Amino acid sequence: MLRSKKGDIRIHDLKISHRSSFHGKKIKDSGLDKEFGLLVLGLQHENGEIEFNPPSDKMIEKGMTLMVMGKVTNITKAGEK
């Protein structure tokens, strides 16, 4: 996790489980940007492969870890969804 000393913006990871509401959705349809104000910087597939700046039509799958940037409170809320 990276933290800014100015404000509450952070870069953090979101692990996607089979219960996650993001599982099976495209990044652009997930609400991460519109609902939570989060920017997806990259993702790590379950096999360890890392993809930076994934396209918005990339499907979010269980076992993925998303690297997101945004307000701490919004990252926490997204992690609970």
Protein backbone atom coordinates (compact mmCIF):
# COMPACT_ATOMS: atom_id res chain seq x y z
CA MET A 1 0.00 0.00 0.00
CA LEU A 2 1.23 3.49 -0.85
CA ARG A 3 0.07 6.50 1.14
CA SER A 4 0.15 10.20 0.44
CA LYS A 5 1.08 12.53 3.28
CA LYS A 6 -1.23 15.07 1.68
CA GLY A 7 -4.79 13.81 1.88
CA ASP A 8 -6.36 10.41 1.99
CA ILE A 9 -5.51 9.02 -1.46
CA ARG A 10 -3.86 5.59 -1.46
CA ILE A 11 -2.89 2.80 -3.79
CA HIS A 12 -4.11 -0.50 -2.43
CA ASP A 13 -5.08 -3.98 -3.59
CA LEU A 14 -8.54 -5.52 -3.71
CA LYS A 15 -8.70 -9.31 -3.70
CA ILE A 16 -11.62 -10.69 -5.68
CA SER A 17 -13.32 -13.71 -4.13
CA HIS A 18 -16.10 -15.84 -5.60
CA ARG A 19 -18.52 -13.89 -3.37
CA SER A 20 -17.40 -10.47 -4.62
CA SER A 21 -20.05 -8.47 -6.46
CA PHE A 22 -17.32 -7.47 -8.94
CA HIS A 23 -16.70 -11.09 -10.02
CA GLY A 24 -17.97 -11.68 -13.57
CA LYS A 25 -18.22 -7.99 -14.47
CA LYS A 26 -16.13 -5.90 -16.82
CA ILE A 27 -14.09 -3.17 -15.13
CA LYS A 28 -16.21 -0.50 -16.87
CA ASP A 29 -19.43 -2.10 -15.56
CA SER A 30 -18.19 -2.81 -12.02
CA GLY A 31 -18.92 0.62 -10.54
CA LEU A 32 -15.38 0.92 -9.17
CA ASP A 33 -14.96 4.27 -10.91
CA LYS A 34 -18.46 5.74 -10.79
CA GLU A 35 -19.68 4.37 -7.47
CA PHE A 36 -16.42 4.39 -5.52
CA GLY A 37 -14.21 6.87 -7.42
CA LEU A 38 -11.45 4.27 -7.79
CA LEU A 39 -8.97 4.02 -10.63
CA VAL A 40 -7.84 0.51 -11.58
CA LEU A 41 -4.09 0.78 -12.16
CA GLY A 42 -3.44 -2.89 -12.72
CA LEU A 43 -4.38 -6.40 -11.81
CA GLN A 44 -2.72 -9.63 -10.89
CA HIS A 45 -4.15 -12.87 -12.21
CA GLU A 46 -4.42 -15.92 -9.99
CA ASN A 47 -1.39 -17.40 -11.81
CA GLY A 48 0.72 -14.39 -10.74
CA GLU A 49 0.77 -12.62 -14.11
CA ILE A 50 0.53 -8.84 -13.70
CA GLU A 51 -1.26 -6.58 -16.15
CA PHE A 52 -0.85 -2.81 -15.87
CA ASN A 53 -3.45 -0.37 -17.19
CA PRO A 54 -5.99 -3.08 -18.05
CA PRO A 55 -8.61 -2.22 -20.67
CA SER A 56 -12.02 -1.22 -19.37
CA ASP A 57 -13.64 -4.24 -21.01
CA LYS A 58 -11.41 -6.64 -19.03
CA MET A 59 -13.50 -9.18 -17.12
CA ILE A 60 -12.94 -9.28 -13.35
CA GLU A 61 -12.53 -12.87 -12.20
CA LYS A 62 -12.32 -14.60 -8.82
CA GLY A 63 -8.75 -14.97 -7.64
CA MET A 64 -7.67 -11.69 -9.23
CA THR A 65 -6.15 -8.89 -7.21
CA LEU A 66 -6.96 -5.40 -8.47
CA MET A 67 -4.52 -2.55 -7.81
CA VAL A 68 -6.66 0.55 -7.25
CA MET A 69 -6.07 4.17 -6.34
CA GLY A 70 -8.58 6.31 -4.49
CA LYS A 71 -9.80 7.59 -1.15
CA VAL A 72 -9.20 5.26 1.78
CA THR A 73 -12.88 5.19 2.75
CA ASN A 74 -13.92 4.26 -0.79
CA ILE A 75 -11.32 1.50 -1.04
CA THR A 76 -12.66 0.07 2.24
CA LYS A 77 -16.27 0.24 0.99
CA ALA A 78 -15.37 -1.47 -2.29
CA GLY A 79 -13.55 -4.20 -0.39
CA GLU A 80 -16.72 -4.95 1.55
CA LYS A 81 -18.86 -5.31 -1.59
